[in-house]
PDB file of N, CA and C in Angstrom:
ATOM      1  N   UNK A   1      12.363  -4.116  17.705  1.00  0.00           N
ATOM      2  CA  UNK A   1      11.316  -3.473  16.950  1.00  0.00           C
ATOM      3  C   UNK A   1      11.487  -1.963  17.095  1.00  0.00           C
ATOM      4  N   UNK A   2      11.430  -1.267  15.973  1.00  0.00           N
ATOM      5  CA  UNK A   2      11.541   0.192  15.988  1.00  0.00           C
ATOM      6  C   UNK A   2      10.180   0.861  16.080  1.00  0.00           C
ATOM      7  N   UNK A   3       9.244   0.408  15.274  1.00  0.00           N
ATOM      8  CA  UNK A   3       7.889   0.973  15.278  1.00  0.00           C
ATOM      9  C   UNK A   3       6.879  -0.142  15.065  1.00  0.00           C
ATOM     10  N   UNK A   4       5.669   0.123  15.504  1.00  0.00           N
ATOM     11  CA  UNK A   4       4.567  -0.797  15.253  1.00  0.00           C
ATOM     12  C   UNK A   4       3.403   0.039  14.750  1.00  0.00           C
ATOM     13  N   UNK A   5       2.889  -0.313  13.579  1.00  0.00           N
ATOM     14  CA  UNK A   5       1.764   0.405  12.987  1.00  0.00           C
ATOM     15  C   UNK A   5       0.548  -0.506  12.960  1.00  0.00           C
ATOM     16  N   UNK A   6      -0.602   0.095  13.139  1.00  0.00           N
ATOM     17  CA  UNK A   6      -1.856  -0.641  13.068  1.00  0.00           C
ATOM     18  C   UNK A   6      -2.674  -0.128  11.892  1.00  0.00           C
ATOM     19  N   UNK A   7      -3.716  -0.822  11.576  1.00  0.00           N
ATOM     20  CA  UNK A   7      -4.620  -0.412  10.496  1.00  0.00           C
ATOM     21  C   UNK A   7      -5.147   0.996  10.761  1.00  0.00           C
ATOM     22  N   UNK A   8      -5.445   1.297  12.007  1.00  0.00           N
ATOM     23  CA  UNK A   8      -5.962   2.621  12.365  1.00  0.00           C
ATOM     24  C   UNK A   8      -4.960   3.734  12.055  1.00  0.00           C
ATOM     25  N   UNK A   9      -3.652   3.440  12.111  1.00  0.00           N
ATOM     26  CA  UNK A   9      -2.635   4.439  11.787  1.00  0.00           C
ATOM     27  C   UNK A   9      -2.721   4.893  10.335  1.00  0.00           C
ATOM     28  N   UNK A  10      -3.351   4.079   9.499  1.00  0.00           N
ATOM     29  CA  UNK A  10      -3.514   4.405   8.088  1.00  0.00           C
ATOM     30  C   UNK A  10      -4.896   4.990   7.796  1.00  0.00           C
ATOM     31  N   UNK A  11      -5.668   5.237   8.853  1.00  0.00           N
ATOM     32  CA  UNK A  11      -6.994   5.826   8.689  1.00  0.00           C
ATOM     33  C   UNK A  11      -8.078   4.836   8.330  1.00  0.00           C
ATOM     34  N   UNK A  12      -7.806   3.551   8.486  1.00  0.00           N
ATOM     35  CA  UNK A  12      -8.782   2.512   8.140  1.00  0.00           C
ATOM     36  C   UNK A  12      -9.447   1.967   9.404  1.00  0.00           C
ATOM     37  N   UNK A  13     -10.627   1.437   9.239  1.00  0.00           N
ATOM     38  CA  UNK A  13     -11.385   0.844  10.335  1.00  0.00           C
ATOM     39  C   UNK A  13     -10.803  -0.534  10.647  1.00  0.00           C
ATOM     40  N   UNK A  14     -10.320  -0.769  11.859  1.00  0.00           N
ATOM     41  CA  UNK A  14      -9.734  -2.067  12.211  1.00  0.00           C
ATOM     42  C   UNK A  14     -10.736  -3.218  12.158  1.00  0.00           C
ATOM     43  N   UNK A  15     -12.010  -2.908  12.152  1.00  0.00           N
ATOM     44  CA  UNK A  15     -13.033  -3.951  12.068  1.00  0.00           C
ATOM     45  C   UNK A  15     -13.128  -4.552  10.667  1.00  0.00           C
ATOM     46  N   UNK A  16     -12.718  -3.789   9.636  1.00  0.00           N
ATOM     47  CA  UNK A  16     -12.853  -4.296   8.264  1.00  0.00           C
ATOM     48  C   UNK A  16     -11.543  -4.270   7.475  1.00  0.00           C
ATOM     49  N   UNK A  17     -10.470  -3.701   8.054  1.00  0.00           N
ATOM     50  CA  UNK A  17      -9.217  -3.583   7.332  1.00  0.00           C
ATOM     51  C   UNK A  17      -8.094  -4.383   7.956  1.00  0.00           C
ATOM     52  N   UNK A  18      -7.125  -4.762   7.115  1.00  0.00           N
ATOM     53  CA  UNK A  18      -5.918  -5.462   7.563  1.00  0.00           C
ATOM     54  C   UNK A  18      -4.716  -4.896   6.808  1.00  0.00           C
ATOM     55  N   UNK A  19      -3.545  -5.086   7.387  1.00  0.00           N
ATOM     56  CA  UNK A  19      -2.317  -4.768   6.667  1.00  0.00           C
ATOM     57  C   UNK A  19      -1.965  -5.997   5.860  1.00  0.00           C
ATOM     58  N   UNK A  20      -1.892  -5.835   4.543  1.00  0.00           N
ATOM     59  CA  UNK A  20      -1.641  -6.942   3.616  1.00  0.00           C
ATOM     60  C   UNK A  20      -0.183  -7.375   3.688  1.00  0.00           C
ATOM     61  N   UNK A  21       0.083  -8.592   3.271  1.00  0.00           N
ATOM     62  CA  UNK A  21       1.450  -9.119   3.234  1.00  0.00           C
ATOM     63  C   UNK A  21       2.241  -8.531   2.080  1.00  0.00           C
ATOM     64  N   UNK A  22       1.564  -7.934   1.097  1.00  0.00           N
ATOM     65  CA  UNK A  22       2.255  -7.337  -0.046  1.00  0.00           C
ATOM     66  C   UNK A  22       2.869  -6.006   0.350  1.00  0.00           C
ATOM     67  N   UNK A  23       3.588  -5.413  -0.537  1.00  0.00           N
ATOM     68  CA  UNK A  23       4.266  -4.146  -0.276  1.00  0.00           C
ATOM     69  C   UNK A  23       5.744  -4.337  -0.494  1.00  0.00           C
ATOM     70  N   UNK A  24       6.543  -3.507   0.109  1.00  0.00           N
ATOM     71  CA  UNK A  24       7.987  -3.615  -0.038  1.00  0.00           C
ATOM     72  C   UNK A  24       8.639  -2.267   0.156  1.00  0.00           C
ATOM     73  N   UNK A  25       9.858  -2.143  -0.322  1.00  0.00           N
ATOM     74  CA  UNK A  25      10.635  -0.920  -0.126  1.00  0.00           C
ATOM     75  C   UNK A  25      10.712  -0.130  -1.420  1.00  0.00           C
ATOM     76  N   UNK A  26      10.181   1.100  -1.361  1.00  0.00           N
ATOM     77  CA  UNK A  26      10.263   2.000  -2.504  1.00  0.00           C
ATOM     78  C   UNK A  26      11.705   2.475  -2.674  1.00  0.00           C
ATOM     79  N   UNK A  27      12.346   2.804  -1.553  1.00  0.00           N
ATOM     80  CA  UNK A  27      13.771   3.144  -1.514  1.00  0.00           C
ATOM     81  C   UNK A  27      14.248   2.882  -0.081  1.00  0.00           C
ATOM     82  N   UNK A  28      15.470   3.274   0.232  1.00  0.00           N
ATOM     83  CA  UNK A  28      16.035   2.960   1.549  1.00  0.00           C
ATOM     84  C   UNK A  28      15.282   3.612   2.702  1.00  0.00           C
ATOM     85  N   UNK A  29      14.586   4.700   2.459  1.00  0.00           N
ATOM     86  CA  UNK A  29      13.877   5.406   3.523  1.00  0.00           C
ATOM     87  C   UNK A  29      12.364   5.266   3.460  1.00  0.00           C
ATOM     88  N   UNK A  30      11.836   4.560   2.460  1.00  0.00           N
ATOM     89  CA  UNK A  30      10.385   4.510   2.275  1.00  0.00           C
ATOM     90  C   UNK A  30       9.892   3.099   2.000  1.00  0.00           C
ATOM     91  N   UNK A  31       8.960   2.654   2.826  1.00  0.00           N
ATOM     92  CA  UNK A  31       8.293   1.367   2.599  1.00  0.00           C
ATOM     93  C   UNK A  31       6.912   1.637   2.009  1.00  0.00           C
ATOM     94  N   UNK A  32       6.433   0.690   1.227  1.00  0.00           N
ATOM     95  CA  UNK A  32       5.055   0.720   0.735  1.00  0.00           C
ATOM     96  C   UNK A  32       4.292  -0.312   1.555  1.00  0.00           C
ATOM     97  N   UNK A  33       3.219   0.127   2.209  1.00  0.00           N
ATOM     98  CA  UNK A  33       2.382  -0.743   3.026  1.00  0.00           C
ATOM     99  C   UNK A  33       0.985  -0.742   2.421  1.00  0.00           C
ATOM    100  N   UNK A  34       0.443  -1.927   2.198  1.00  0.00           N
ATOM    101  CA  UNK A  34      -0.883  -2.060   1.593  1.00  0.00           C
ATOM    102  C   UNK A  34      -1.901  -2.357   2.690  1.00  0.00           C
ATOM    103  N   UNK A  35      -2.946  -1.539   2.743  1.00  0.00           N
ATOM    104  CA  UNK A  35      -4.056  -1.768   3.663  1.00  0.00           C
ATOM    105  C   UNK A  35      -5.228  -2.246   2.809  1.00  0.00           C
ATOM    106  N   UNK A  36      -5.820  -3.369   3.222  1.00  0.00           N
ATOM    107  CA  UNK A  36      -6.875  -4.037   2.461  1.00  0.00           C
ATOM    108  C   UNK A  36      -8.087  -4.251   3.359  1.00  0.00           C
ATOM    109  N   UNK A  37      -9.250  -4.170   2.773  1.00  0.00           N
ATOM    110  CA  UNK A  37     -10.460  -4.448   3.536  1.00  0.00           C
ATOM    111  C   UNK A  37     -11.602  -4.863   2.640  1.00  0.00           C
ATOM    112  N   UNK A  38     -12.612  -5.401   3.258  1.00  0.00           N
ATOM    113  CA  UNK A  38     -13.837  -5.758   2.543  1.00  0.00           C
ATOM    114  C   UNK A  38     -14.995  -5.126   3.283  1.00  0.00           C
ATOM    115  N   UNK A  39     -15.752  -4.328   2.568  1.00  0.00           N
ATOM    116  CA  UNK A  39     -16.881  -3.620   3.150  1.00  0.00           C
ATOM    117  C   UNK A  39     -18.084  -3.810   2.238  1.00  0.00           C
ATOM    118  N   UNK A  40     -18.995  -4.673   2.630  1.00  0.00           N
ATOM    119  CA  UNK A  40     -20.160  -4.963   1.795  1.00  0.00           C
ATOM    120  C   UNK A  40     -21.024  -3.730   1.586  1.00  0.00           C
ATOM    121  N   UNK A  41     -21.075  -2.830   2.577  1.00  0.00           N
ATOM    122  CA  UNK A  41     -21.859  -1.600   2.426  1.00  0.00           C
ATOM    123  C   UNK A  41     -21.282  -0.693   1.341  1.00  0.00           C
ATOM    124  N   UNK A  42     -19.966  -0.701   1.198  1.00  0.00           N
ATOM    125  CA  UNK A  42     -19.299   0.152   0.208  1.00  0.00           C
ATOM    126  C   UNK A  42     -19.107  -0.558  -1.129  1.00  0.00           C
ATOM    127  N   UNK A  43     -19.514  -1.802  -1.243  1.00  0.00           N
ATOM    128  CA  UNK A  43     -19.429  -2.486  -2.529  1.00  0.00           C
ATOM    129  C   UNK A  43     -18.317  -3.497  -2.672  1.00  0.00           C
ATOM    130  N   UNK A  44     -17.809  -4.046  -1.587  1.00  0.00           N
ATOM    131  CA  UNK A  44     -16.823  -5.116  -1.684  1.00  0.00           C
ATOM    132  C   UNK A  44     -15.434  -4.704  -1.265  1.00  0.00           C
ATOM    133  N   UNK A  45     -14.411  -5.354  -1.856  1.00  0.00           N
ATOM    134  CA  UNK A  45     -13.030  -5.127  -1.410  1.00  0.00           C
ATOM    135  C   UNK A  45     -12.503  -3.742  -1.814  1.00  0.00           C
ATOM    136  N   UNK A  46     -11.565  -3.255  -1.006  1.00  0.00           N
ATOM    137  CA  UNK A  46     -10.854  -2.015  -1.292  1.00  0.00           C
ATOM    138  C   UNK A  46      -9.418  -2.178  -0.801  1.00  0.00           C
ATOM    139  N   UNK A  47      -8.526  -1.375  -1.328  1.00  0.00           N
ATOM    140  CA  UNK A  47      -7.127  -1.397  -0.897  1.00  0.00           C
ATOM    141  C   UNK A  47      -6.486  -0.053  -1.214  1.00  0.00           C
ATOM    142  N   UNK A  48      -5.481   0.280  -0.417  1.00  0.00           N
ATOM    143  CA  UNK A  48      -4.724   1.517  -0.600  1.00  0.00           C
ATOM    144  C   UNK A  48      -3.249   1.220  -0.362  1.00  0.00           C
ATOM    145  N   UNK A  49      -2.412   1.861  -1.155  1.00  0.00           N
ATOM    146  CA  UNK A  49      -0.959   1.744  -1.022  1.00  0.00           C
ATOM    147  C   UNK A  49      -0.453   3.004  -0.334  1.00  0.00           C
ATOM    148  N   UNK A  50       0.193   2.842   0.816  1.00  0.00           N
ATOM    149  CA  UNK A  50       0.672   3.962   1.612  1.00  0.00           C
ATOM    150  C   UNK A  50       2.188   3.982   1.676  1.00  0.00           C
ATOM    151  N   UNK A  51       2.743   5.183   1.754  1.00  0.00           N
ATOM    152  CA  UNK A  51       4.179   5.362   1.982  1.00  0.00           C
ATOM    153  C   UNK A  51       4.427   5.510   3.475  1.00  0.00           C
ATOM    154  N   UNK A  52       5.483   4.839   3.982  1.00  0.00           N
ATOM    155  CA  UNK A  52       5.858   4.927   5.390  1.00  0.00           C
ATOM    156  C   UNK A  52       7.355   5.196   5.465  1.00  0.00           C
ATOM    157  N   UNK A  53       7.723   6.189   6.274  1.00  0.00           N
ATOM    158  CA  UNK A  53       9.136   6.501   6.502  1.00  0.00           C
ATOM    159  C   UNK A  53       9.734   5.378   7.356  1.00  0.00           C
ATOM    160  N   UNK A  54      10.742   4.675   6.833  1.00  0.00           N
ATOM    161  CA  UNK A  54      11.315   3.533   7.539  1.00  0.00           C
ATOM    162  C   UNK A  54      12.146   3.941   8.744  1.00  0.00           C
ATOM    163  N   UNK A  55      12.578   5.190   8.817  1.00  0.00           N
ATOM    164  CA  UNK A  55      13.389   5.645   9.947  1.00  0.00           C
ATOM    165  C   UNK A  55      12.541   6.026  11.147  1.00  0.00           C
ATOM    166  N   UNK A  56      11.344   6.584  10.888  1.00  0.00           N
ATOM    167  CA  UNK A  56      10.508   7.100  11.983  1.00  0.00           C
ATOM    168  C   UNK A  56       9.194   6.348  12.157  1.00  0.00           C
ATOM    169  N   UNK A  57       8.755   5.637  11.122  1.00  0.00           N
ATOM    170  CA  UNK A  57       7.458   4.977  11.162  1.00  0.00           C
ATOM    171  C   UNK A  57       6.312   5.888  10.793  1.00  0.00           C
ATOM    172  N   UNK A  58       6.616   7.120  10.395  1.00  0.00           N
ATOM    173  CA  UNK A  58       5.568   8.078  10.030  1.00  0.00           C
ATOM    174  C   UNK A  58       4.868   7.645   8.739  1.00  0.00           C
ATOM    175  N   UNK A  59       3.535   7.599   8.793  1.00  0.00           N
ATOM    176  CA  UNK A  59       2.750   7.316   7.593  1.00  0.00           C
ATOM    177  C   UNK A  59       2.733   8.604   6.772  1.00  0.00           C
ATOM    178  N   UNK A  60       3.285   8.537   5.554  1.00  0.00           N
ATOM    179  CA  UNK A  60       3.436   9.728   4.717  1.00  0.00           C
ATOM    180  C   UNK A  60       2.276   9.928   3.752  1.00  0.00           C
ATOM    181  N   UNK A  61       1.335   9.013   3.752  1.00  0.00           N
ATOM    182  CA  UNK A  61       0.150   9.196   2.924  1.00  0.00           C
ATOM    183  C   UNK A  61      -0.036   8.126   1.876  1.00  0.00           C
ATOM    184  N   UNK A  62      -1.199   8.184   1.284  1.00  0.00           N
ATOM    185  CA  UNK A  62      -1.610   7.269   0.223  1.00  0.00           C
ATOM    186  C   UNK A  62      -0.840   7.613  -1.047  1.00  0.00           C
ATOM    187  N   UNK A  63      -0.412   6.594  -1.795  1.00  0.00           N
ATOM    188  CA  UNK A  63       0.253   6.839  -3.082  1.00  0.00           C
ATOM    189  C   UNK A  63      -0.692   7.463  -4.098  1.00  0.00           C
ATOM    190  N   UNK A  64      -1.995   7.268  -3.908  1.00  0.00           N
ATOM    191  CA  UNK A  64      -2.962   7.871  -4.820  1.00  0.00           C
ATOM    192  C   UNK A  64      -3.014   7.224  -6.193  1.00  0.00           C
ATOM    193  N   UNK A  65      -2.754   5.914  -6.244  1.00  0.00           N
ATOM    194  CA  UNK A  65      -2.786   5.209  -7.527  1.00  0.00           C
ATOM    195  C   UNK A  65      -3.878   4.151  -7.493  1.00  0.00           C
ATOM    196  N   UNK A  66      -4.318   3.753  -8.673  1.00  0.00           N
ATOM    197  CA  UNK A  66      -5.285   2.662  -8.803  1.00  0.00           C
ATOM    198  C   UNK A  66      -4.561   1.461  -9.390  1.00  0.00           C
ATOM    199  N   UNK A  67      -4.754   0.293  -8.778  1.00  0.00           N
ATOM    200  CA  UNK A  67      -4.158  -0.939  -9.287  1.00  0.00           C
ATOM    201  C   UNK A  67      -5.261  -1.965  -9.504  1.00  0.00           C
ATOM    202  N   UNK A  68      -4.962  -3.016 -10.276  1.00  0.00           N
ATOM    203  CA  UNK A  68      -5.992  -4.009 -10.582  1.00  0.00           C
ATOM    204  C   UNK A  68      -6.376  -4.839  -9.368  1.00  0.00           C
ATOM    205  N   UNK A  69      -5.456  -4.986  -8.408  1.00  0.00           N
ATOM    206  CA  UNK A  69      -5.763  -5.632  -7.137  1.00  0.00           C
ATOM    207  C   UNK A  69      -4.715  -5.207  -6.113  1.00  0.00           C
ATOM    208  N   UNK A  70      -4.868  -5.667  -4.890  1.00  0.00           N
ATOM    209  CA  UNK A  70      -3.969  -5.239  -3.809  1.00  0.00           C
ATOM    210  C   UNK A  70      -2.536  -5.712  -3.993  1.00  0.00           C
ATOM    211  N   UNK A  71      -2.326  -6.716  -4.824  1.00  0.00           N
ATOM    212  CA  UNK A  71      -0.991  -7.278  -5.054  1.00  0.00           C
ATOM    213  C   UNK A  71      -0.273  -6.664  -6.239  1.00  0.00           C
ATOM    214  N   UNK A  72      -0.953  -5.824  -7.009  1.00  0.00           N
ATOM    215  CA  UNK A  72      -0.410  -5.334  -8.276  1.00  0.00           C
ATOM    216  C   UNK A  72       0.412  -4.063  -8.106  1.00  0.00           C
ATOM    217  N   UNK A  73       1.441  -4.126  -7.307  1.00  0.00           N
ATOM    218  CA  UNK A  73       2.421  -3.057  -7.207  1.00  0.00           C
ATOM    219  C   UNK A  73       3.697  -3.701  -6.709  1.00  0.00           C
ATOM    220  N   UNK A  74       4.751  -3.558  -7.501  1.00  0.00           N
ATOM    221  CA  UNK A  74       6.033  -4.133  -7.104  1.00  0.00           C
ATOM    222  C   UNK A  74       7.055  -3.013  -6.953  1.00  0.00           C
ATOM    223  N   UNK A  75       7.379  -2.629  -5.703  1.00  0.00           N
ATOM    224  CA  UNK A  75       8.422  -1.620  -5.506  1.00  0.00           C
ATOM    225  C   UNK A  75       9.774  -2.185  -5.938  1.00  0.00           C
ATOM    226  N   UNK A  76      10.568  -1.359  -6.611  1.00  0.00           N
ATOM    227  CA  UNK A  76      11.849  -1.828  -7.133  1.00  0.00           C
ATOM    228  C   UNK A  76      13.034  -1.425  -6.269  1.00  0.00           C
ATOM    229  N   UNK A  77      12.796  -0.630  -5.217  1.00  0.00           N
ATOM    230  CA  UNK A  77      13.863  -0.258  -4.308  1.00  0.00           C
ATOM    231  C   UNK A  77      14.678   0.947  -4.738  1.00  0.00           C
ATOM    232  N   UNK A  78      14.400   1.459  -5.930  1.00  0.00           N
ATOM    233  CA  UNK A  78      15.149   2.615  -6.437  1.00  0.00           C
ATOM    234  C   UNK A  78      14.271   3.863  -6.533  1.00  0.00           C
ATOM    235  N   UNK A  79      13.128   3.851  -5.856  1.00  0.00           N
ATOM    236  CA  UNK A  79      12.207   4.982  -5.900  1.00  0.00           C
ATOM    237  C   UNK A  79      11.106   4.816  -6.934  1.00  0.00           C
ATOM    238  N   UNK A  80      11.136   3.700  -7.671  1.00  0.00           N
ATOM    239  CA  UNK A  80      10.104   3.443  -8.672  1.00  0.00           C
ATOM    240  C   UNK A  80       9.384   2.141  -8.340  1.00  0.00           C
ATOM    241  N   UNK A  81       8.295   1.900  -9.038  1.00  0.00           N
ATOM    242  CA  UNK A  81       7.544   0.662  -8.866  1.00  0.00           C
ATOM    243  C   UNK A  81       6.901   0.288 -10.191  1.00  0.00           C
ATOM    244  N   UNK A  82       6.464  -0.956 -10.291  1.00  0.00           N
ATOM    245  CA  UNK A  82       5.822  -1.469 -11.493  1.00  0.00           C
ATOM    246  C   UNK A  82       4.381  -1.823 -11.146  1.00  0.00           C
ATOM    247  N   UNK A  83       3.455  -1.394 -12.015  1.00  0.00           N
ATOM    248  CA  UNK A  83       2.046  -1.786 -11.909  1.00  0.00           C
ATOM    249  C   UNK A  83       1.573  -2.229 -13.282  1.00  0.00           C
ATOM    250  N   UNK A  84       0.418  -2.865 -13.333  1.00  0.00           N
ATOM    251  CA  UNK A  84      -0.169  -3.289 -14.592  1.00  0.00           C
ATOM    252  C   UNK A  84      -1.118  -2.207 -15.082  1.00  0.00           C
ATOM    253  N   UNK A  85      -0.932  -1.753 -16.317  1.00  0.00           N
ATOM    254  CA  UNK A  85      -1.805  -0.753 -16.909  1.00  0.00           C
ATOM    255  C   UNK A  85      -3.155  -1.377 -17.237  1.00  0.00           C
ATOM    256  N   UNK A  86      -4.128  -0.567 -17.565  1.00  0.00           N
ATOM    257  CA  UNK A  86      -5.485  -1.059 -17.856  1.00  0.00           C
ATOM    258  C   UNK A  86      -5.530  -2.008 -19.055  1.00  0.00           C
ATOM    259  N   UNK A  87      -4.550  -1.920 -19.953  1.00  0.00           N
ATOM    260  CA  UNK A  87      -4.523  -2.821 -21.104  1.00  0.00           C
ATOM    261  C   UNK A  87      -3.662  -4.056 -20.858  1.00  0.00           C
ATOM    262  N   UNK A  88      -3.168  -4.242 -19.621  1.00  0.00           N
ATOM    263  CA  UNK A  88      -2.373  -5.415 -19.283  1.00  0.00           C
ATOM    264  C   UNK A  88      -0.881  -5.230 -19.416  1.00  0.00           C
ATOM    265  N   UNK A  89      -0.447  -4.055 -19.861  1.00  0.00           N
ATOM    266  CA  UNK A  89       0.976  -3.765 -20.024  1.00  0.00           C
ATOM    267  C   UNK A  89       1.580  -3.368 -18.685  1.00  0.00           C
ATOM    268  N   UNK A  90       2.779  -3.883 -18.387  1.00  0.00           N
ATOM    269  CA  UNK A  90       3.477  -3.464 -17.194  1.00  0.00           C
ATOM    270  C   UNK A  90       3.983  -2.040 -17.385  1.00  0.00           C
ATOM    271  N   UNK A  91       3.815  -1.224 -16.360  1.00  0.00           N
ATOM    272  CA  UNK A  91       4.246   0.173 -16.440  1.00  0.00           C
ATOM    273  C   UNK A  91       5.107   0.498 -15.223  1.00  0.00           C
ATOM    274  N   UNK A  92       6.286   1.048 -15.507  1.00  0.00           N
ATOM    275  CA  UNK A  92       7.184   1.488 -14.431  1.00  0.00           C
ATOM    276  C   UNK A  92       6.854   2.928 -14.094  1.00  0.00           C
ATOM    277  N   UNK A  93       6.638   3.202 -12.820  1.00  0.00           N
ATOM    278  CA  UNK A  93       6.253   4.543 -12.377  1.00  0.00           C
ATOM    279  C   UNK A  93       7.340   5.117 -11.494  1.00  0.00           C
TER     280      UNK A  93
END
């Protein structure tokens, strides 16, 4: 094991957040990690897609995108990813 990250490393409350099984590799040096949680006080489920440096484990920040759900981002490994647009069309970003 090179690094171990927890929900708290992404700025989320470990009591309500988990690291989702979704995500993948944006490119050879960057992984996409999805943090998901449910907070009834805040209005239900939430999720964020974060970039992580695969060489150091450094969390590089939130991608800053909105997706229809926590699973709706497919990294393609070449620095781009596919999400579903608001009209249902797949969009490569």
